[in-house]
N, C-alpha and C. Protein backbone atom coordinates (compact mmCIF):
# COMPACT_ATOMS: atom_id res chain seq x y z
N MET A 1 76.75 120.11 105.13
CA MET A 1 78.16 120.20 105.40
C MET A 1 78.83 118.93 104.89
N ALA A 2 79.94 119.09 104.25
CA ALA A 2 80.76 117.96 103.82
C ALA A 2 82.19 118.23 104.27
N CYS A 3 82.95 117.17 104.50
CA CYS A 3 84.32 117.31 104.98
C CYS A 3 85.18 116.26 104.31
N PHE A 4 86.38 116.66 103.88
CA PHE A 4 87.31 115.76 103.21
C PHE A 4 88.71 115.96 103.79
N ILE A 5 89.44 114.89 103.97
CA ILE A 5 90.84 114.97 104.38
C ILE A 5 91.65 114.13 103.39
N CYS A 6 92.72 114.72 102.87
CA CYS A 6 93.58 113.98 101.94
C CYS A 6 95.00 114.51 102.05
N ASP A 7 95.93 113.75 101.50
CA ASP A 7 97.32 114.20 101.45
C ASP A 7 97.76 114.28 99.99
N GLU A 8 98.89 114.89 99.78
CA GLU A 8 99.40 115.07 98.43
C GLU A 8 100.60 114.14 98.24
N ASP A 9 100.60 113.35 97.18
CA ASP A 9 101.67 112.38 96.95
C ASP A 9 103.05 113.03 96.87
N ASN A 10 103.15 114.17 96.25
CA ASN A 10 104.45 114.82 96.05
C ASN A 10 104.96 115.55 97.29
N ASN A 11 104.12 115.76 98.26
CA ASN A 11 104.50 116.52 99.44
C ASN A 11 104.14 115.71 100.68
N GLN A 12 105.10 115.07 101.28
CA GLN A 12 104.84 114.20 102.42
C GLN A 12 104.46 114.98 103.68
N HIS A 13 104.58 116.29 103.63
CA HIS A 13 104.29 117.10 104.82
C HIS A 13 102.99 117.88 104.69
N ALA A 14 102.19 117.56 103.70
CA ALA A 14 100.95 118.31 103.48
C ALA A 14 99.73 117.44 103.72
N VAL A 15 98.79 117.99 104.45
CA VAL A 15 97.49 117.36 104.67
C VAL A 15 96.45 118.40 104.30
N PHE A 16 95.47 118.00 103.51
CA PHE A 16 94.42 118.92 103.09
C PHE A 16 93.13 118.57 103.83
N TYR A 17 92.55 119.57 104.48
CA TYR A 17 91.28 119.42 105.18
C TYR A 17 90.32 120.37 104.50
N ILE A 18 89.29 119.83 103.90
CA ILE A 18 88.36 120.63 103.10
C ILE A 18 86.95 120.49 103.67
N GLU A 19 86.30 121.62 103.86
CA GLU A 19 84.91 121.62 104.32
C GLU A 19 84.05 122.33 103.27
N GLN A 20 82.84 121.87 103.15
CA GLN A 20 81.88 122.50 102.24
C GLN A 20 80.61 122.80 103.04
N TRP A 21 80.16 124.05 103.00
CA TRP A 21 79.02 124.48 103.80
C TRP A 21 77.89 124.98 102.91
N GLU A 22 76.67 124.84 103.38
CA GLU A 22 75.49 125.27 102.62
C GLU A 22 75.34 126.78 102.56
N SER A 23 75.87 127.49 103.56
CA SER A 23 75.71 128.94 103.59
C SER A 23 76.86 129.58 104.35
N LYS A 24 77.05 130.88 104.14
CA LYS A 24 78.05 131.62 104.89
C LYS A 24 77.72 131.62 106.37
N GLU A 25 76.44 131.72 106.68
CA GLU A 25 76.01 131.75 108.07
C GLU A 25 76.37 130.45 108.79
N ALA A 26 76.17 129.31 108.11
CA ALA A 26 76.50 128.02 108.71
C ALA A 26 78.01 127.91 108.94
N LEU A 27 78.80 128.39 107.99
CA LEU A 27 80.26 128.40 108.14
C LEU A 27 80.67 129.26 109.33
N GLN A 28 80.10 130.44 109.43
CA GLN A 28 80.45 131.36 110.52
C GLN A 28 80.11 130.76 111.88
N LEU A 29 78.96 130.10 111.99
CA LEU A 29 78.60 129.44 113.25
C LEU A 29 79.59 128.33 113.58
N HIS A 30 80.01 127.58 112.56
CA HIS A 30 80.96 126.50 112.77
C HIS A 30 82.31 127.04 113.26
N ILE A 31 82.78 128.12 112.65
CA ILE A 31 84.07 128.71 113.04
C ILE A 31 84.04 129.17 114.49
N LYS A 32 82.90 129.59 114.98
CA LYS A 32 82.76 130.06 116.37
C LYS A 32 82.56 128.91 117.36
N SER A 33 82.38 127.69 116.87
CA SER A 33 82.03 126.56 117.72
C SER A 33 83.23 125.97 118.46
N SER A 34 82.94 125.19 119.50
CA SER A 34 83.99 124.49 120.24
C SER A 34 84.61 123.39 119.38
N THR A 35 83.84 122.82 118.47
CA THR A 35 84.39 121.81 117.56
C THR A 35 85.50 122.41 116.71
N TYR A 36 85.30 123.62 116.21
CA TYR A 36 86.31 124.27 115.40
C TYR A 36 87.54 124.63 116.23
N SER A 37 87.34 124.88 117.51
CA SER A 37 88.47 125.16 118.40
C SER A 37 89.44 123.98 118.42
N MET A 38 88.92 122.76 118.32
CA MET A 38 89.79 121.58 118.28
C MET A 38 90.63 121.57 117.01
N LEU A 39 90.06 122.00 115.91
CA LEU A 39 90.81 122.08 114.65
C LEU A 39 91.91 123.14 114.77
N ILE A 40 91.59 124.27 115.35
CA ILE A 40 92.58 125.34 115.56
C ILE A 40 93.73 124.81 116.43
N ASN A 41 93.39 124.09 117.49
CA ASN A 41 94.43 123.52 118.37
C ASN A 41 95.33 122.56 117.60
N ALA A 42 94.75 121.74 116.73
CA ALA A 42 95.55 120.81 115.93
C ALA A 42 96.47 121.57 114.98
N MET A 43 95.98 122.65 114.37
CA MET A 43 96.80 123.44 113.45
C MET A 43 97.97 124.09 114.18
N GLU A 44 97.75 124.46 115.43
CA GLU A 44 98.82 125.09 116.21
C GLU A 44 99.96 124.12 116.51
N LEU A 45 99.73 122.83 116.38
CA LEU A 45 100.77 121.82 116.60
C LEU A 45 101.65 121.60 115.37
N ALA A 46 101.26 122.20 114.24
CA ALA A 46 102.02 122.01 113.00
C ALA A 46 103.42 122.60 113.12
N SER A 47 104.38 121.98 112.44
CA SER A 47 105.76 122.47 112.49
C SER A 47 105.95 123.72 111.64
N THR A 48 105.05 123.97 110.70
CA THR A 48 105.08 125.21 109.91
C THR A 48 103.70 125.86 109.98
N THR A 49 103.65 127.13 109.68
CA THR A 49 102.38 127.84 109.72
C THR A 49 101.43 127.29 108.65
N PRO A 50 100.25 126.84 109.06
CA PRO A 50 99.30 126.30 108.09
C PRO A 50 98.83 127.37 107.10
N GLN A 51 98.57 126.95 105.89
CA GLN A 51 97.99 127.84 104.89
C GLN A 51 96.48 127.61 104.91
N ILE A 52 95.73 128.65 105.14
CA ILE A 52 94.27 128.56 105.25
C ILE A 52 93.65 129.42 104.15
N ASN A 53 92.72 128.83 103.40
CA ASN A 53 92.03 129.55 102.34
C ASN A 53 90.53 129.30 102.44
N PHE A 54 89.75 130.34 102.22
CA PHE A 54 88.30 130.23 102.15
C PHE A 54 87.87 130.65 100.75
N TYR A 55 87.08 129.81 100.11
CA TYR A 55 86.58 130.11 98.77
C TYR A 55 85.07 130.22 98.83
N ASP A 56 84.54 131.25 98.21
CA ASP A 56 83.10 131.48 98.18
C ASP A 56 82.62 131.30 96.74
N VAL A 57 81.79 130.31 96.54
CA VAL A 57 81.22 130.06 95.21
C VAL A 57 79.85 130.73 95.18
N SER A 58 79.67 131.64 94.25
CA SER A 58 78.42 132.39 94.22
C SER A 58 77.29 131.64 93.54
N GLU A 59 77.62 130.66 92.73
CA GLU A 59 76.57 129.91 92.04
C GLU A 59 77.05 128.47 91.83
N ARG A 60 76.15 127.53 92.04
CA ARG A 60 76.47 126.13 91.82
C ARG A 60 75.58 125.59 90.71
N MET A 61 76.19 124.94 89.75
CA MET A 61 75.44 124.36 88.64
C MET A 61 75.81 122.89 88.53
N GLY A 62 74.92 122.12 87.96
CA GLY A 62 75.15 120.69 87.82
C GLY A 62 74.97 120.25 86.38
N ILE A 63 74.44 119.06 86.23
CA ILE A 63 74.28 118.45 84.92
C ILE A 63 73.40 119.29 83.99
N GLU A 64 72.51 120.07 84.56
CA GLU A 64 71.62 120.89 83.73
C GLU A 64 72.41 121.88 82.87
N LEU A 65 73.54 122.37 83.34
CA LEU A 65 74.38 123.26 82.54
C LEU A 65 74.90 122.52 81.31
N ILE A 66 75.41 121.33 81.51
CA ILE A 66 75.92 120.54 80.39
C ILE A 66 74.82 120.24 79.38
N GLU A 67 73.66 119.83 79.88
CA GLU A 67 72.54 119.52 78.99
C GLU A 67 72.11 120.74 78.18
N THR A 68 72.01 121.88 78.83
CA THR A 68 71.61 123.11 78.16
C THR A 68 72.60 123.52 77.08
N LEU A 69 73.87 123.51 77.41
CA LEU A 69 74.89 123.93 76.46
C LEU A 69 75.03 122.96 75.29
N ARG A 70 74.91 121.68 75.53
CA ARG A 70 75.07 120.69 74.48
C ARG A 70 73.87 120.65 73.54
N GLN A 71 72.71 121.07 74.01
CA GLN A 71 71.51 121.11 73.17
C GLN A 71 71.59 122.26 72.15
N LYS A 72 72.29 123.34 72.51
CA LYS A 72 72.39 124.50 71.64
C LYS A 72 73.36 124.27 70.50
N GLY A 73 74.25 123.23 70.62
CA GLY A 73 75.29 122.87 69.67
C GLY A 73 75.10 123.35 68.30
C-alpha cells in the first residue's frame, strides 16, 4: 500500500489523496475498515461534494519494457 497527499497550484481548494494497493481484495478490505471510515468522515466535512475515482491497472511494467523495446530498434 502506498499513499500520497498533494494539492494543485492552480486550485487552492483542491487536495488530492491517492492510494495504491497491491490487489483489489486489499483495497476492498481497506474500504470496509474503521480507518477508511475516518477518511469518509473527513470528506463529509468538505464544502463541495468530493470527486472520487478508482482506477484499475491490469498490468504493471517497469524498466524491462523500455529495455525490450529499445533493443528491437
